[in-house]
């Protein structure tokens, strides 16, 4: 089994056609057919159903697709790490849930760039399930997440939690029954506590699955929402947003999950954890190397 054969198989599944796969790979159709037959012969399984409507993966092909895509990702990463420019000795592959980039994600990036000049960085963004998959396949060395899924070869650190506060574009916005209120998803604990405190309030018309999207909406259209303090502190300070008096704060746990292999290879990893644990999430990065 070769990488070329796996790439050819992935191209067939992606394009849905041996002819289209040949065009994409810039080879003849007979070459594509030969590579597919070789792969099927080594595995002893039919991987592709060829029909007039196109080429479809068999159940065995669907299973192989997951592994083939992972192998392709790891090969791309291996090529990057073994071809580092002069002066760089390693790569830090970091992944972040979208709503954790502002603040914790930026501090991690700045820490590595400022204090580890011999380390290159690759940054990935995704949801909790995607991050867990990247950690499992070692596409990512460490991840910032709200929903940790640490495996046997990973270590989990609980970081300072997010403080969720109610803010509005209007200083006199009501605590309850604000027609401009939008609900921003922040995990099951927040949903439960929010429902308990605002049990008598009307149902919001608009909801967002991301704090960044919710913030952008109320800044553009007006309104109020519960958002992480680290995202809104500067806007509250300059008067673009206002904290609503009497509104409770809610806390959302934040975690760093890291692969043991990466931790063992980096003598500076503990400093990242110390920096994230010691930093006030309302402040900028305070870099430490002790």
C-alpha atoms as a PDB file:
ATOM      1  CA  UNK A   1       0.000   0.000   0.000  1.00  0.00           C
ATOM      2  CA  UNK A   2       1.457   3.340  -1.023  1.00  0.00           C
ATOM      3  CA  UNK A   3       0.557   6.952  -0.333  1.00  0.00           C
ATOM      4  CA  UNK A   4      -0.067   7.436  -4.057  1.00  0.00           C
ATOM      5  CA  UNK A   5      -2.651   4.632  -4.030  1.00  0.00           C
ATOM      6  CA  UNK A   6      -4.419   6.126  -1.025  1.00  0.00           C
ATOM      7  CA  UNK A   7      -4.459   9.569  -2.640  1.00  0.00           C
ATOM      8  CA  UNK A   8      -5.898   8.050  -5.804  1.00  0.00           C
ATOM      9  CA  UNK A   9      -8.629   6.311  -3.784  1.00  0.00           C
ATOM     10  CA  UNK A  10      -9.492   9.576  -2.007  1.00  0.00           C
ATOM     11  CA  UNK A  11      -9.623  11.411  -5.341  1.00  0.00           C
ATOM     12  CA  UNK A  12     -12.085   8.828  -6.711  1.00  0.00           C
ATOM     13  CA  UNK A  13     -14.366   9.196  -3.689  1.00  0.00           C
ATOM     14  CA  UNK A  14     -14.107  12.992  -3.691  1.00  0.00           C
ATOM     15  CA  UNK A  15     -14.848  13.407  -7.415  1.00  0.00           C
ATOM     16  CA  UNK A  16     -17.226  10.448  -7.734  1.00  0.00           C
ATOM     17  CA  UNK A  17     -15.577   9.302 -10.943  1.00  0.00           C
ATOM     18  CA  UNK A  18     -12.432   7.501 -12.093  1.00  0.00           C
ATOM     19  CA  UNK A  19     -12.245   9.834 -15.088  1.00  0.00           C
ATOM     20  CA  UNK A  20     -12.518  12.933 -12.917  1.00  0.00           C
ATOM     21  CA  UNK A  21      -9.970  11.494 -10.479  1.00  0.00           C
ATOM     22  CA  UNK A  22      -7.553  10.976 -13.374  1.00  0.00           C
ATOM     23  CA  UNK A  23      -8.023  14.610 -14.432  1.00  0.00           C
ATOM     24  CA  UNK A  24      -7.487  15.840 -10.870  1.00  0.00           C
ATOM     25  CA  UNK A  25      -4.295  13.790 -10.449  1.00  0.00           C
ATOM     26  CA  UNK A  26      -3.121  14.527 -14.008  1.00  0.00           C
ATOM     27  CA  UNK A  27      -2.711  10.836 -14.881  1.00  0.00           C
ATOM     28  CA  UNK A  28      -4.465   8.476 -17.283  1.00  0.00           C
ATOM     29  CA  UNK A  29      -7.653   6.643 -16.359  1.00  0.00           C
ATOM     30  CA  UNK A  30      -5.843   3.336 -16.760  1.00  0.00           C
ATOM     31  CA  UNK A  31      -3.339   4.459 -14.124  1.00  0.00           C
ATOM     32  CA  UNK A  32      -6.166   5.287 -11.722  1.00  0.00           C
ATOM     33  CA  UNK A  33      -7.770   1.906 -12.389  1.00  0.00           C
ATOM     34  CA  UNK A  34      -4.474   0.084 -11.818  1.00  0.00           C
ATOM     35  CA  UNK A  35      -3.844   1.858  -8.527  1.00  0.00           C
ATOM     36  CA  UNK A  36      -7.365   1.102  -7.296  1.00  0.00           C
ATOM     37  CA  UNK A  37      -7.056  -2.586  -8.253  1.00  0.00           C
ATOM     38  CA  UNK A  38      -3.704  -2.800  -6.471  1.00  0.00           C
ATOM     39  CA  UNK A  39      -5.185  -1.300  -3.309  1.00  0.00           C
ATOM     40  CA  UNK A  40      -8.220  -3.579  -3.417  1.00  0.00           C
ATOM     41  CA  UNK A  41      -5.967  -6.592  -3.968  1.00  0.00           C
ATOM     42  CA  UNK A  42      -3.812  -5.770  -0.938  1.00  0.00           C
ATOM     43  CA  UNK A  43      -6.857  -5.299   1.291  1.00  0.00           C
ATOM     44  CA  UNK A  44      -8.853  -8.152  -0.177  1.00  0.00           C
ATOM     45  CA  UNK A  45     -11.910  -5.910  -0.370  1.00  0.00           C
ATOM     46  CA  UNK A  46     -13.856  -4.102  -3.061  1.00  0.00           C
ATOM     47  CA  UNK A  47     -13.563  -0.400  -2.236  1.00  0.00           C
ATOM     48  CA  UNK A  48     -15.509   1.324  -5.022  1.00  0.00           C
ATOM     49  CA  UNK A  49     -18.806   0.577  -6.765  1.00  0.00           C
ATOM     50  CA  UNK A  50     -18.736   1.780 -10.372  1.00  0.00           C
ATOM     51  CA  UNK A  51     -22.159   2.773 -11.678  1.00  0.00           C
ATOM     52  CA  UNK A  52     -23.483   4.958 -14.470  1.00  0.00           C
ATOM     53  CA  UNK A  53     -24.250   7.615 -11.870  1.00  0.00           C
ATOM     54  CA  UNK A  54     -20.635   7.610 -10.676  1.00  0.00           C
ATOM     55  CA  UNK A  55     -18.218   5.868  -8.341  1.00  0.00           C
ATOM     56  CA  UNK A  56     -19.388   5.232  -4.771  1.00  0.00           C
ATOM     57  CA  UNK A  57     -17.473   3.886  -1.790  1.00  0.00           C
ATOM     58  CA  UNK A  58     -18.455   0.420  -0.566  1.00  0.00           C
ATOM     59  CA  UNK A  59     -18.819  -0.108   3.208  1.00  0.00           C
ATOM     60  CA  UNK A  60     -15.151  -1.177   3.249  1.00  0.00           C
ATOM     61  CA  UNK A  61     -14.294   1.911   1.230  1.00  0.00           C
ATOM     62  CA  UNK A  62     -16.099   4.143   3.711  1.00  0.00           C
ATOM     63  CA  UNK A  63     -14.055   2.644   6.533  1.00  0.00           C
ATOM     64  CA  UNK A  64     -10.809   3.066   4.595  1.00  0.00           C
ATOM     65  CA  UNK A  65     -11.666   6.668   3.735  1.00  0.00           C
ATOM     66  CA  UNK A  66     -11.320   7.746   7.381  1.00  0.00           C
ATOM     67  CA  UNK A  67      -7.882   6.184   7.724  1.00  0.00           C
ATOM     68  CA  UNK A  68      -6.708   7.336   4.302  1.00  0.00           C
ATOM     69  CA  UNK A  69      -7.626  10.951   5.087  1.00  0.00           C
ATOM     70  CA  UNK A  70      -5.803  10.718   8.433  1.00  0.00           C
ATOM     71  CA  UNK A  71      -2.705   9.239   6.785  1.00  0.00           C
ATOM     72  CA  UNK A  72      -2.743  12.038   4.215  1.00  0.00           C
ATOM     73  CA  UNK A  73      -2.968  14.663   6.978  1.00  0.00           C
ATOM     74  CA  UNK A  74      -0.142  13.052   8.961  1.00  0.00           C
ATOM     75  CA  UNK A  75       2.062  12.834   5.875  1.00  0.00           C
ATOM     76  CA  UNK A  76       1.491  16.503   5.146  1.00  0.00           C
ATOM     77  CA  UNK A  77       2.382  17.325   8.741  1.00  0.00           C
ATOM     78  CA  UNK A  78       5.465  15.072   8.669  1.00  0.00           C
ATOM     79  CA  UNK A  79       6.684  16.775   5.501  1.00  0.00           C
ATOM     80  CA  UNK A  80       6.286  20.147   7.165  1.00  0.00           C
ATOM     81  CA  UNK A  81       8.156  19.148  10.311  1.00  0.00           C
ATOM     82  CA  UNK A  82      11.031  17.414   8.510  1.00  0.00           C
ATOM     83  CA  UNK A  83      11.540  20.330   6.130  1.00  0.00           C
ATOM     84  CA  UNK A  84      11.793  23.125   8.680  1.00  0.00           C
ATOM     85  CA  UNK A  85      13.815  26.175   7.675  1.00  0.00           C
ATOM     86  CA  UNK A  86      17.180  26.773   9.296  1.00  0.00           C
ATOM     87  CA  UNK A  87      16.820  28.000  12.872  1.00  0.00           C
ATOM     88  CA  UNK A  88      13.609  26.084  13.590  1.00  0.00           C
ATOM     89  CA  UNK A  89      13.778  22.777  15.437  1.00  0.00           C
ATOM     90  CA  UNK A  90      10.140  21.742  15.974  1.00  0.00           C
ATOM     91  CA  UNK A  91       6.515  22.482  15.159  1.00  0.00           C
ATOM     92  CA  UNK A  92       3.731  23.181  17.649  1.00  0.00           C
ATOM     93  CA  UNK A  93       0.350  22.166  16.227  1.00  0.00           C
ATOM     94  CA  UNK A  94      -2.300  23.969  18.230  1.00  0.00           C
ATOM     95  CA  UNK A  95      -6.084  23.757  17.866  1.00  0.00           C
ATOM     96  CA  UNK A  96      -8.705  26.040  19.399  1.00  0.00           C
ATOM     97  CA  UNK A  97     -12.468  26.079  19.659  1.00  0.00           C
ATOM     98  CA  UNK A  98     -13.621  29.141  17.740  1.00  0.00           C
ATOM     99  CA  UNK A  99     -14.917  31.095  20.738  1.00  0.00           C
ATOM    100  CA  UNK A 100     -11.695  30.493  22.698  1.00  0.00           C
ATOM    101  CA  UNK A 101      -9.415  32.192  20.196  1.00  0.00           C
ATOM    102  CA  UNK A 102      -9.946  35.722  21.557  1.00  0.00           C
ATOM    103  CA  UNK A 103      -7.992  35.698  24.806  1.00  0.00           C
ATOM    104  CA  UNK A 104      -6.682  32.194  25.645  1.00  0.00           C
ATOM    105  CA  UNK A 105      -5.856  31.214  22.070  1.00  0.00           C
ATOM    106  CA  UNK A 106      -4.073  34.485  21.409  1.00  0.00           C
ATOM    107  CA  UNK A 107      -2.121  34.179  24.663  1.00  0.00           C
ATOM    108  CA  UNK A 108      -0.930  30.678  23.759  1.00  0.00           C
ATOM    109  CA  UNK A 109       0.131  31.849  20.315  1.00  0.00           C
ATOM    110  CA  UNK A 110       1.950  34.874  21.714  1.00  0.00           C
ATOM    111  CA  UNK A 111       3.682  32.758  24.341  1.00  0.00           C
ATOM    112  CA  UNK A 112       5.176  30.403  21.769  1.00  0.00           C
ATOM    113  CA  UNK A 113       6.092  33.127  19.282  1.00  0.00           C
ATOM    114  CA  UNK A 114       7.675  35.379  21.910  1.00  0.00           C
ATOM    115  CA  UNK A 115       9.539  32.860  24.039  1.00  0.00           C
ATOM    116  CA  UNK A 116      10.211  29.955  21.671  1.00  0.00           C
ATOM    117  CA  UNK A 117      11.844  31.431  18.548  1.00  0.00           C
ATOM    118  CA  UNK A 118      13.012  27.980  17.389  1.00  0.00           C
ATOM    119  CA  UNK A 119       9.432  26.624  17.288  1.00  0.00           C
ATOM    120  CA  UNK A 120       7.176  26.955  14.255  1.00  0.00           C
ATOM    121  CA  UNK A 121       3.395  27.026  14.772  1.00  0.00           C
ATOM    122  CA  UNK A 122       0.402  25.632  12.948  1.00  0.00           C
ATOM    123  CA  UNK A 123      -3.011  26.810  14.179  1.00  0.00           C
ATOM    124  CA  UNK A 124      -6.278  24.947  13.627  1.00  0.00           C
ATOM    125  CA  UNK A 125      -9.842  25.971  14.444  1.00  0.00           C
ATOM    126  CA  UNK A 126     -12.798  23.645  14.935  1.00  0.00           C
ATOM    127  CA  UNK A 127     -15.514  22.357  17.243  1.00  0.00           C
ATOM    128  CA  UNK A 128     -14.935  20.129  20.277  1.00  0.00           C
ATOM    129  CA  UNK A 129     -15.444  16.841  18.400  1.00  0.00           C
ATOM    130  CA  UNK A 130     -13.085  17.880  15.622  1.00  0.00           C
ATOM    131  CA  UNK A 131     -10.420  18.934  18.117  1.00  0.00           C
ATOM    132  CA  UNK A 132     -10.705  15.588  19.900  1.00  0.00           C
ATOM    133  CA  UNK A 133     -10.164  13.788  16.601  1.00  0.00           C
ATOM    134  CA  UNK A 134      -7.130  15.899  15.773  1.00  0.00           C
ATOM    135  CA  UNK A 135      -5.608  15.152  19.167  1.00  0.00           C
ATOM    136  CA  UNK A 136      -6.261  11.437  18.735  1.00  0.00           C
ATOM    137  CA  UNK A 137      -4.478  11.335  15.362  1.00  0.00           C
ATOM    138  CA  UNK A 138      -1.783  13.776  16.610  1.00  0.00           C
ATOM    139  CA  UNK A 139      -2.604  16.275  13.907  1.00  0.00           C
ATOM    140  CA  UNK A 140      -2.881  18.597  16.903  1.00  0.00           C
ATOM    141  CA  UNK A 141      -0.483  18.586  19.870  1.00  0.00           C
ATOM    142  CA  UNK A 142      -2.699  20.582  22.206  1.00  0.00           C
ATOM    143  CA  UNK A 143      -6.177  22.035  22.163  1.00  0.00           C
ATOM    144  CA  UNK A 144      -8.166  24.723  23.961  1.00  0.00           C
ATOM    145  CA  UNK A 145     -11.722  23.533  24.434  1.00  0.00           C
ATOM    146  CA  UNK A 146     -14.898  23.918  26.456  1.00  0.00           C
ATOM    147  CA  UNK A 147     -15.666  20.186  26.213  1.00  0.00           C
ATOM    148  CA  UNK A 148     -12.566  18.067  26.922  1.00  0.00           C
ATOM    149  CA  UNK A 149     -12.406  14.469  25.693  1.00  0.00           C
ATOM    150  CA  UNK A 150      -8.973  13.471  26.936  1.00  0.00           C
ATOM    151  CA  UNK A 151      -7.818   9.991  25.944  1.00  0.00           C
ATOM    152  CA  UNK A 152      -5.330   7.641  27.581  1.00  0.00           C
ATOM    153  CA  UNK A 153      -2.325   9.383  26.010  1.00  0.00           C
ATOM    154  CA  UNK A 154      -3.510  12.891  26.810  1.00  0.00           C
ATOM    155  CA  UNK A 155      -3.473  15.173  29.832  1.00  0.00           C
ATOM    156  CA  UNK A 156      -6.211  17.649  30.735  1.00  0.00           C
ATOM    157  CA  UNK A 157      -5.742  20.971  32.563  1.00  0.00           C
ATOM    158  CA  UNK A 158      -8.620  23.089  33.848  1.00  0.00           C
ATOM    159  CA  UNK A 159      -7.965  26.778  33.140  1.00  0.00           C
ATOM    160  CA  UNK A 160      -9.628  29.918  34.552  1.00  0.00           C
ATOM    161  CA  UNK A 161     -13.277  29.758  33.456  1.00  0.00           C
ATOM    162  CA  UNK A 162     -15.043  32.138  31.133  1.00  0.00           C
ATOM    163  CA  UNK A 163     -17.175  34.755  32.877  1.00  0.00           C
ATOM    164  CA  UNK A 164     -20.381  35.319  30.914  1.00  0.00           C
ATOM    165  CA  UNK A 165     -21.990  38.718  31.425  1.00  0.00           C
ATOM    166  CA  UNK A 166     -25.126  40.350  30.080  1.00  0.00           C
ATOM    167  CA  UNK A 167     -24.283  43.312  27.855  1.00  0.00           C
ATOM    168  CA  UNK A 168     -26.340  45.562  25.626  1.00  0.00           C
ATOM    169  CA  UNK A 169     -25.878  48.332  23.110  1.00  0.00           C
ATOM    170  CA  UNK A 170     -28.343  50.364  25.204  1.00  0.00           C
ATOM    171  CA  UNK A 171     -27.425  51.553  28.688  1.00  0.00           C
ATOM    172  CA  UNK A 172     -31.079  51.390  29.794  1.00  0.00           C
ATOM    173  CA  UNK A 173     -31.874  47.936  28.367  1.00  0.00           C
ATOM    174  CA  UNK A 174     -34.153  45.919  30.678  1.00  0.00           C
ATOM    175  CA  UNK A 175     -32.910  42.879  32.550  1.00  0.00           C
ATOM    176  CA  UNK A 176     -35.932  40.895  31.353  1.00  0.00           C
ATOM    177  CA  UNK A 177     -38.235  41.113  28.353  1.00  0.00           C
ATOM    178  CA  UNK A 178     -35.727  42.936  26.156  1.00  0.00           C
ATOM    179  CA  UNK A 179     -37.072  42.592  22.575  1.00  0.00           C
ATOM    180  CA  UNK A 180     -33.488  42.884  21.314  1.00  0.00           C
ATOM    181  CA  UNK A 181     -32.154  40.015  23.433  1.00  0.00           C
ATOM    182  CA  UNK A 182     -30.393  37.193  21.568  1.00  0.00           C
ATOM    183  CA  UNK A 183     -29.436  33.862  23.105  1.00  0.00           C
ATOM    184  CA  UNK A 184     -25.821  32.774  22.609  1.00  0.00           C
ATOM    185  CA  UNK A 185     -25.076  29.083  23.161  1.00  0.00           C
ATOM    186  CA  UNK A 186     -22.479  28.514  25.892  1.00  0.00           C
ATOM    187  CA  UNK A 187     -22.841  24.869  26.863  1.00  0.00           C
ATOM    188  CA  UNK A 188     -25.419  22.782  28.756  1.00  0.00           C
ATOM    189  CA  UNK A 189     -24.656  24.209  32.219  1.00  0.00           C
ATOM    190  CA  UNK A 190     -25.207  27.760  31.010  1.00  0.00           C
ATOM    191  CA  UNK A 191     -28.424  26.742  29.242  1.00  0.00           C
ATOM    192  CA  UNK A 192     -29.736  25.174  32.462  1.00  0.00           C
ATOM    193  CA  UNK A 193     -28.754  28.071  34.740  1.00  0.00           C
ATOM    194  CA  UNK A 194     -29.999  30.650  32.240  1.00  0.00           C
ATOM    195  CA  UNK A 195     -33.360  28.894  31.985  1.00  0.00           C
ATOM    196  CA  UNK A 196     -33.635  28.791  35.790  1.00  0.00           C
ATOM    197  CA  UNK A 197     -32.907  32.476  36.360  1.00  0.00           C
ATOM    198  CA  UNK A 198     -34.955  33.728  33.406  1.00  0.00           C
ATOM    199  CA  UNK A 199     -37.805  31.236  33.780  1.00  0.00           C
ATOM    200  CA  UNK A 200     -40.366  34.040  33.668  1.00  0.00           C
ATOM    201  CA  UNK A 201     -38.855  35.813  30.645  1.00  0.00           C
ATOM    202  CA  UNK A 202     -40.194  35.485  27.118  1.00  0.00           C
ATOM    203  CA  UNK A 203     -38.485  33.188  24.620  1.00  0.00           C
ATOM    204  CA  UNK A 204     -35.833  34.905  22.514  1.00  0.00           C
ATOM    205  CA  UNK A 205     -36.469  35.162  18.792  1.00  0.00           C
ATOM    206  CA  UNK A 206     -32.865  34.746  17.652  1.00  0.00           C
ATOM    207  CA  UNK A 207     -30.136  32.371  18.857  1.00  0.00           C
ATOM    208  CA  UNK A 208     -26.481  31.974  17.937  1.00  0.00           C
ATOM    209  CA  UNK A 209     -24.150  29.007  18.330  1.00  0.00           C
ATOM    210  CA  UNK A 210     -21.077  31.230  18.621  1.00  0.00           C
ATOM    211  CA  UNK A 211     -20.218  34.167  20.859  1.00  0.00           C
ATOM    212  CA  UNK A 212     -18.355  35.815  17.995  1.00  0.00           C
ATOM    213  CA  UNK A 213     -21.465  35.704  15.811  1.00  0.00           C
ATOM    214  CA  UNK A 214     -23.663  36.961  18.645  1.00  0.00           C
ATOM    215  CA  UNK A 215     -21.305  39.843  19.398  1.00  0.00           C
ATOM    216  CA  UNK A 216     -21.075  40.850  15.745  1.00  0.00           C
ATOM    217  CA  UNK A 217     -24.877  40.830  15.465  1.00  0.00           C
ATOM    218  CA  UNK A 218     -25.617  43.094  18.419  1.00  0.00           C
ATOM    219  CA  UNK A 219     -22.844  45.499  17.403  1.00  0.00           C
ATOM    220  CA  UNK A 220     -24.360  45.750  13.904  1.00  0.00           C
ATOM    221  CA  UNK A 221     -28.070  45.662  14.773  1.00  0.00           C
ATOM    222  CA  UNK A 222     -28.284  46.522  18.465  1.00  0.00           C
ATOM    223  CA  UNK A 223     -29.534  44.308  21.250  1.00  0.00           C
ATOM    224  CA  UNK A 224     -28.292  42.402  24.264  1.00  0.00           C
ATOM    225  CA  UNK A 225     -26.683  39.012  24.921  1.00  0.00           C
ATOM    226  CA  UNK A 226     -24.684  36.999  27.413  1.00  0.00           C
ATOM    227  CA  UNK A 227     -21.075  37.041  26.175  1.00  0.00           C
ATOM    228  CA  UNK A 228     -17.613  36.241  27.588  1.00  0.00           C
ATOM    229  CA  UNK A 229     -16.222  39.204  29.487  1.00  0.00           C
ATOM    230  CA  UNK A 230     -12.866  38.826  27.730  1.00  0.00           C
ATOM    231  CA  UNK A 231     -14.621  39.568  24.419  1.00  0.00           C
ATOM    232  CA  UNK A 232     -16.567  42.615  25.567  1.00  0.00           C
ATOM    233  CA  UNK A 233     -14.437  44.286  28.266  1.00  0.00           C
ATOM    234  CA  UNK A 234     -12.851  46.845  25.921  1.00  0.00           C
ATOM    235  CA  UNK A 235     -16.194  47.712  24.339  1.00  0.00           C
ATOM    236  CA  UNK A 236     -17.752  48.207  27.768  1.00  0.00           C
ATOM    237  CA  UNK A 237     -14.836  50.432  28.758  1.00  0.00           C
ATOM    238  CA  UNK A 238     -15.221  52.658  25.690  1.00  0.00           C
ATOM    239  CA  UNK A 239     -19.028  52.819  25.929  1.00  0.00           C
ATOM    240  CA  UNK A 240     -19.948  50.783  22.855  1.00  0.00           C
ATOM    241  CA  UNK A 241     -21.534  48.187  25.128  1.00  0.00           C
ATOM    242  CA  UNK A 242     -23.059  48.405  28.608  1.00  0.00           C
ATOM    243  CA  UNK A 243     -23.313  45.829  31.394  1.00  0.00           C
ATOM    244  CA  UNK A 244     -26.872  45.346  32.557  1.00  0.00           C
ATOM    245  CA  UNK A 245     -27.285  46.047  36.264  1.00  0.00           C
ATOM    246  CA  UNK A 246     -28.660  43.193  38.349  1.00  0.00           C
ATOM    247  CA  UNK A 247     -27.886  40.489  35.771  1.00  0.00           C
ATOM    248  CA  UNK A 248     -26.148  37.416  37.205  1.00  0.00           C
ATOM    249  CA  UNK A 249     -22.806  36.217  35.901  1.00  0.00           C
ATOM    250  CA  UNK A 250     -22.424  32.660  34.660  1.00  0.00           C
ATOM    251  CA  UNK A 251     -19.200  30.652  34.535  1.00  0.00           C
ATOM    252  CA  UNK A 252     -18.151  28.337  31.703  1.00  0.00           C
ATOM    253  CA  UNK A 253     -15.228  25.913  32.269  1.00  0.00           C
ATOM    254  CA  UNK A 254     -12.222  26.082  29.918  1.00  0.00           C
ATOM    255  CA  UNK A 255      -9.661  23.313  29.408  1.00  0.00           C
ATOM    256  CA  UNK A 256      -6.305  22.687  27.790  1.00  0.00           C
ATOM    257  CA  UNK A 257      -5.812  19.125  26.522  1.00  0.00           C
ATOM    258  CA  UNK A 258      -2.366  18.019  25.357  1.00  0.00           C
ATOM    259  CA  UNK A 259      -0.772  14.862  23.968  1.00  0.00           C
ATOM    260  CA  UNK A 260       1.813  13.332  26.315  1.00  0.00           C
ATOM    261  CA  UNK A 261       4.270  12.865  23.457  1.00  0.00           C
ATOM    262  CA  UNK A 262       4.314  16.600  22.775  1.00  0.00           C
ATOM    263  CA  UNK A 263       4.519  17.440  26.483  1.00  0.00           C
ATOM    264  CA  UNK A 264       7.525  15.154  26.932  1.00  0.00           C
ATOM    265  CA  UNK A 265       9.275  16.697  23.917  1.00  0.00           C
ATOM    266  CA  UNK A 266       8.745  20.318  24.980  1.00  0.00           C
ATOM    267  CA  UNK A 267      10.705  21.466  28.015  1.00  0.00           C
ATOM    268  CA  UNK A 268       8.703  24.703  27.863  1.00  0.00           C
ATOM    269  CA  UNK A 269       5.214  23.153  28.001  1.00  0.00           C
ATOM    270  CA  UNK A 270       4.832  23.667  31.755  1.00  0.00           C
ATOM    271  CA  UNK A 271       5.404  27.384  31.223  1.00  0.00           C
ATOM    272  CA  UNK A 272       2.429  27.551  28.875  1.00  0.00           C
ATOM    273  CA  UNK A 273       0.204  25.962  31.508  1.00  0.00           C
ATOM    274  CA  UNK A 274       1.527  28.271  34.236  1.00  0.00           C
ATOM    275  CA  UNK A 275       0.940  31.310  32.050  1.00  0.00           C
ATOM    276  CA  UNK A 276      -2.635  30.323  31.217  1.00  0.00           C
ATOM    277  CA  UNK A 277      -3.411  29.451  34.847  1.00  0.00           C
ATOM    278  CA  UNK A 278      -1.948  32.701  36.177  1.00  0.00           C
ATOM    279  CA  UNK A 279      -3.298  35.102  33.574  1.00  0.00           C
ATOM    280  CA  UNK A 280      -6.376  37.139  34.320  1.00  0.00           C
ATOM    281  CA  UNK A 281      -8.588  36.466  31.278  1.00  0.00           C
ATOM    282  CA  UNK A 282      -9.514  40.161  31.288  1.00  0.00           C
ATOM    283  CA  UNK A 283      -5.887  41.215  30.768  1.00  0.00           C
ATOM    284  CA  UNK A 284      -3.463  40.838  27.873  1.00  0.00           C
ATOM    285  CA  UNK A 285      -0.784  38.129  27.861  1.00  0.00           C
ATOM    286  CA  UNK A 286       1.719  38.051  30.711  1.00  0.00           C
ATOM    287  CA  UNK A 287       4.528  35.830  29.485  1.00  0.00           C
ATOM    288  CA  UNK A 288       6.452  33.791  32.015  1.00  0.00           C
ATOM    289  CA  UNK A 289       9.486  31.590  31.642  1.00  0.00           C
ATOM    290  CA  UNK A 290      10.320  30.349  35.106  1.00  0.00           C
END
